[in-house]
N, C-alpha and C. Protein backbone atom coordinates (compact mmCIF):
# COMPACT_ATOMS: atom_id res chain seq x y z
N MET A 1 111.82 82.53 85.89
CA MET A 1 110.78 82.00 85.03
C MET A 1 112.12 80.84 84.90
N THR A 2 111.32 79.59 85.05
CA THR A 2 112.13 78.47 84.86
C THR A 2 111.64 77.58 83.85
N ARG A 3 112.30 76.46 83.27
CA ARG A 3 111.89 75.41 82.51
C ARG A 3 110.72 74.66 83.32
N ALA A 4 110.61 74.79 84.51
CA ALA A 4 108.92 73.91 85.16
C ALA A 4 107.97 75.00 85.13
N ASP A 5 107.88 75.90 84.87
CA ASP A 5 106.87 76.93 84.59
C ASP A 5 105.88 76.34 83.62
N PRO A 6 105.13 76.88 83.39
CA PRO A 6 103.80 75.91 82.82
C PRO A 6 104.33 76.05 81.18
N GLN A 7 103.93 76.24 80.15
CA GLN A 7 104.24 76.05 78.71
C GLN A 7 102.82 75.85 77.70
N PHE A 8 102.41 76.84 77.01
CA PHE A 8 101.33 76.51 76.19
C PHE A 8 101.62 77.15 74.67
N LYS A 9 100.55 76.30 73.29
CA LYS A 9 101.11 77.26 72.22
C LYS A 9 100.60 78.24 72.18
N LEU A 10 100.82 79.38 71.41
CA LEU A 10 100.71 80.37 71.13
C LEU A 10 100.82 80.61 69.53
N ARG A 11 99.21 81.47 68.96
CA ARG A 11 99.18 81.79 67.42
C ARG A 11 98.93 83.11 67.63
N VAL A 12 99.67 83.49 66.90
CA VAL A 12 99.84 84.85 66.48
C VAL A 12 100.26 85.50 64.96
N PRO A 13 99.63 86.51 64.63
CA PRO A 13 99.76 86.95 63.14
C PRO A 13 100.89 87.14 62.93
N SER A 14 101.37 86.75 61.50
CA SER A 14 103.35 86.92 61.42
C SER A 14 103.94 88.31 61.55
N ASP A 15 102.66 89.31 61.52
CA ASP A 15 103.06 90.49 61.47
C ASP A 15 103.37 90.84 62.96
N LEU A 16 102.20 90.38 63.76
CA LEU A 16 102.88 90.48 65.30
C LEU A 16 104.21 89.72 65.58
N LYS A 17 104.41 88.36 64.93
CA LYS A 17 105.48 87.78 65.70
C LYS A 17 106.87 88.97 65.22
N GLU A 18 106.84 89.45 64.26
CA GLU A 18 108.07 89.66 63.96
C GLU A 18 108.11 91.32 64.63
N ARG A 19 107.28 91.74 64.97
CA ARG A 19 106.88 92.96 66.03
C ARG A 19 107.62 92.71 67.40
N ILE A 20 107.16 91.41 67.84
CA ILE A 20 107.74 90.90 69.08
C ILE A 20 109.08 90.57 68.92
N GLU A 21 109.56 90.22 67.82
CA GLU A 21 111.23 89.70 67.51
C GLU A 21 111.73 90.75 67.48
N LYS A 22 111.49 91.75 66.96
CA LYS A 22 112.17 93.35 67.04
C LYS A 22 112.22 94.26 68.26
N SER A 23 110.94 93.88 68.84
CA SER A 23 111.00 94.54 70.55
C SER A 23 112.04 93.72 71.32
N ALA A 24 112.12 92.38 71.10
CA ALA A 24 113.23 91.42 72.19
C ALA A 24 114.68 92.00 71.75
N ALA A 25 114.54 92.39 70.38
CA ALA A 25 116.17 92.56 70.07
C ALA A 25 116.77 93.33 70.25
N GLU A 26 115.64 94.28 70.54
CA GLU A 26 116.47 96.25 71.00
C GLU A 26 116.14 96.06 72.50
N ASN A 27 115.14 95.22 73.17
CA ASN A 27 115.57 95.19 74.70
C ASN A 27 116.15 94.16 75.05
N HIS A 28 116.98 93.17 74.08
CA HIS A 28 118.10 92.33 74.54
C HIS A 28 117.61 91.18 75.62
N ARG A 29 116.45 90.76 75.03
CA ARG A 29 115.83 89.53 75.67
C ARG A 29 115.25 88.57 74.49
N SER A 30 114.98 87.83 75.16
CA SER A 30 114.29 86.48 74.41
C SER A 30 112.88 87.13 74.19
N MET A 31 111.96 86.41 72.87
CA MET A 31 110.93 86.57 72.67
C MET A 31 110.02 86.22 73.82
N ASN A 32 110.39 84.93 74.62
CA ASN A 32 108.91 84.73 75.39
C ASN A 32 109.50 85.66 76.40
N ALA A 33 110.67 85.91 77.00
CA ALA A 33 111.11 87.26 77.77
C ALA A 33 110.55 88.19 77.33
N GLU A 34 110.32 89.13 76.29
CA GLU A 34 109.48 89.90 76.00
C GLU A 34 107.79 90.02 75.90
N ILE A 35 107.67 88.92 75.48
CA ILE A 35 106.06 88.61 75.71
C ILE A 35 105.79 88.65 77.47
N VAL A 36 106.50 87.72 78.06
CA VAL A 36 106.01 87.60 79.74
C VAL A 36 106.11 89.28 80.31
N ALA A 37 107.42 90.01 79.79
CA ALA A 37 107.16 91.38 80.53
C ALA A 37 105.98 92.12 79.98
N ARG A 38 105.89 92.08 78.66
CA ARG A 38 104.39 92.93 78.15
C ARG A 38 103.41 92.77 79.14
N LEU A 39 103.21 91.57 78.86
CA LEU A 39 101.91 91.12 79.79
C LEU A 39 102.03 91.46 81.02
N SER A 40 103.00 91.02 81.96
CA SER A 40 102.99 91.45 83.26
C SER A 40 102.88 92.97 83.18
N GLU A 41 103.49 93.68 82.17
CA GLU A 41 103.61 95.17 82.71
C GLU A 41 101.71 95.69 82.30
N SER A 42 100.86 95.28 81.53
CA SER A 42 99.53 95.19 81.28
C SER A 42 98.73 95.06 82.27
N PHE A 43 99.48 93.94 83.05
CA PHE A 43 98.35 94.16 84.71
C PHE A 43 98.64 94.64 85.72
N ARG A 44 99.87 95.59 85.57
CA ARG A 44 100.28 96.52 86.53
C ARG A 44 99.10 97.51 86.86
N GLY A 45 98.47 97.60 88.16
CA GLY A 45 97.85 98.92 88.38
C GLY A 45 96.38 98.22 88.21
N ALA A 46 96.25 97.11 87.67
CA ALA A 46 94.79 96.70 87.38
C ALA A 46 94.20 95.87 88.31
N PRO A 47 92.94 95.58 88.73
CA PRO A 47 92.42 95.18 89.73
C PRO A 47 92.96 93.65 89.76
N GLY A 48 93.40 93.24 90.81
CA GLY A 48 93.68 91.94 90.72
C GLY A 48 95.42 92.00 90.04
N GLY A 49 95.61 92.84 89.88
CA GLY A 49 97.25 92.49 89.06
C GLY A 49 98.34 92.77 90.00
N GLU A 50 99.60 92.71 89.84
CA GLU A 50 100.41 92.94 90.28
C GLU A 50 100.89 94.65 90.93
N GLN A 51 101.09 94.50 91.95
CA GLN A 51 101.81 95.84 92.56
C GLN A 51 102.76 96.00 93.29
N GLU A 52 104.07 96.01 92.55
CA GLU A 52 104.84 96.09 93.17
C GLU A 52 105.76 97.07 93.15
N GLY A 53 105.51 97.51 94.11
CA GLY A 53 106.11 99.22 94.07
C GLY A 53 105.34 100.33 93.76
N ASP A 54 105.93 101.41 92.87
CA ASP A 54 105.13 102.62 92.47
C ASP A 54 105.40 102.20 90.91
N PRO A 55 104.26 101.86 90.29
CA PRO A 55 104.61 101.67 88.78
C PRO A 55 105.15 102.78 88.05
N THR A 56 104.94 104.12 88.54
CA THR A 56 105.39 105.06 87.74
C THR A 56 107.45 105.07 87.91
N LEU A 57 107.58 104.28 89.28
CA LEU A 57 109.03 104.33 89.60
C LEU A 57 109.90 103.01 88.42
N PHE A 58 108.41 101.75 88.36
CA PHE A 58 108.89 101.11 87.40
C PHE A 58 109.19 101.23 86.42
N GLY A 59 108.39 102.40 85.62
CA GLY A 59 108.70 102.77 84.28
C GLY A 59 109.51 103.16 84.01
N ALA A 60 110.03 104.10 85.10
CA ALA A 60 111.38 105.36 84.81
C ALA A 60 112.48 104.48 84.84
N TRP A 61 112.15 103.37 85.83
CA TRP A 61 113.46 102.30 85.52
C TRP A 61 113.65 101.52 84.15
N GLU A 62 112.54 101.10 83.80
CA GLU A 62 112.55 100.05 82.77
C GLU A 62 113.10 101.48 81.41
N ARG A 63 112.65 102.75 81.53
CA ARG A 63 113.23 103.28 80.51
C ARG A 63 114.83 103.74 80.88
N LEU A 64 114.96 104.10 81.82
CA LEU A 64 116.47 104.02 81.92
C LEU A 64 117.04 103.10 81.83
N GLU A 65 116.64 101.84 81.88
CA GLU A 65 117.36 100.72 81.76
C GLU A 65 118.05 100.70 79.88
N ARG A 66 117.00 100.87 79.20
CA ARG A 66 116.78 101.03 78.16
C ARG A 66 117.65 102.13 77.08
N LEU A 67 117.73 103.34 78.16
CA LEU A 67 118.72 104.38 77.63
C LEU A 67 120.05 103.96 77.85
N ARG A 68 120.52 103.00 78.70
CA ARG A 68 121.77 102.44 79.48
C ARG A 68 122.39 101.74 77.74
N LEU A 69 121.21 100.89 77.48
CA LEU A 69 121.60 99.82 76.79
C LEU A 69 122.16 100.45 75.14
N GLU A 70 120.88 101.52 74.98
CA GLU A 70 121.15 102.13 74.00
C GLU A 70 122.65 103.00 73.58
N LEU A 71 122.93 103.79 74.35
CA LEU A 71 124.13 104.21 75.13
C LEU A 71 125.19 103.27 74.93
N ASP A 72 125.32 102.07 75.54
CA ASP A 72 126.22 100.89 75.31
C ASP A 72 126.51 100.64 73.72
N GLN A 73 125.68 100.71 72.61
CA GLN A 73 125.39 100.07 72.12
C GLN A 73 125.94 101.73 70.80
N ALA A 74 125.76 102.63 71.17
CA ALA A 74 126.02 103.81 70.16
C ALA A 74 127.76 104.06 70.81
N MET A 75 128.06 104.19 72.02
CA MET A 75 129.48 103.94 72.02
C MET A 75 130.24 102.76 71.70
N SER A 76 129.66 101.71 71.64
CA SER A 76 130.18 100.81 70.85
C SER A 76 130.46 101.13 69.43
N ASP A 77 129.53 101.85 68.51
CA ASP A 77 129.45 101.95 67.47
C ASP A 77 130.33 103.11 66.77
N TYR A 78 130.66 103.92 67.87
CA TYR A 78 131.32 104.86 67.84
C TYR A 78 132.95 104.63 67.71
N LYS A 79 132.96 103.62 68.89
CA LYS A 79 134.44 103.23 68.48
C LYS A 79 134.63 102.62 67.40
N LYS A 80 133.98 101.63 66.88
CA LYS A 80 134.41 100.69 65.81
C LYS A 80 134.63 101.51 64.72
N LEU A 81 134.06 103.08 64.94
CA LEU A 81 133.96 104.03 63.52
C LEU A 81 135.45 104.40 63.63
N MET A 82 135.93 104.70 64.71
CA MET A 82 137.04 105.67 65.04
C MET A 82 138.24 104.45 64.70
N LEU A 83 137.67 102.91 64.85
CA LEU A 83 139.09 101.89 64.72
C LEU A 83 139.12 102.05 63.58
N SER A 84 137.95 102.23 62.50
CA SER A 84 137.97 101.92 61.04
C SER A 84 138.46 102.79 60.40
N ARG A 85 138.37 104.35 61.13
CA ARG A 85 139.34 105.24 60.47
C ARG A 85 140.69 105.59 61.01
N GLY A 86 141.41 104.63 61.68
CA GLY A 86 142.55 104.19 62.07
C GLY A 86 142.79 105.12 63.05
N GLU A 87 141.64 105.44 64.09
CA GLU A 87 142.30 106.54 65.11
C GLU A 87 141.86 105.44 66.29
N GLU A 88 143.24 105.47 67.09
CA GLU A 88 143.36 104.47 67.86
C GLU A 88 142.73 104.83 69.51
N ASP A 89 142.48 106.17 69.68
CA ASP A 89 141.91 106.91 70.84
C ASP A 89 140.80 106.52 71.40
N ALA A 90 140.21 105.84 70.48
CA ALA A 90 138.42 105.26 70.63
C ALA A 90 138.41 104.85 71.84
């Protein structure tokens, strides 16, 4: 996606905006990227939708990437905890 891609204003209820913000943060991407990813995913397998490879494989890849990010965060939190306790082998 580039800045040259078409843009438009979108109105959403504030609670939905908050959910998108939270999900975007959890997935380490911008709100725009989160919305585009979710919309793109909703068209996979639909008539006229994207057919990039096996949707099952794509879903597994996405879940694996999320797990990797969660593991990275858990390891970072663990290291901070160990350092705060004065254990230097973290």
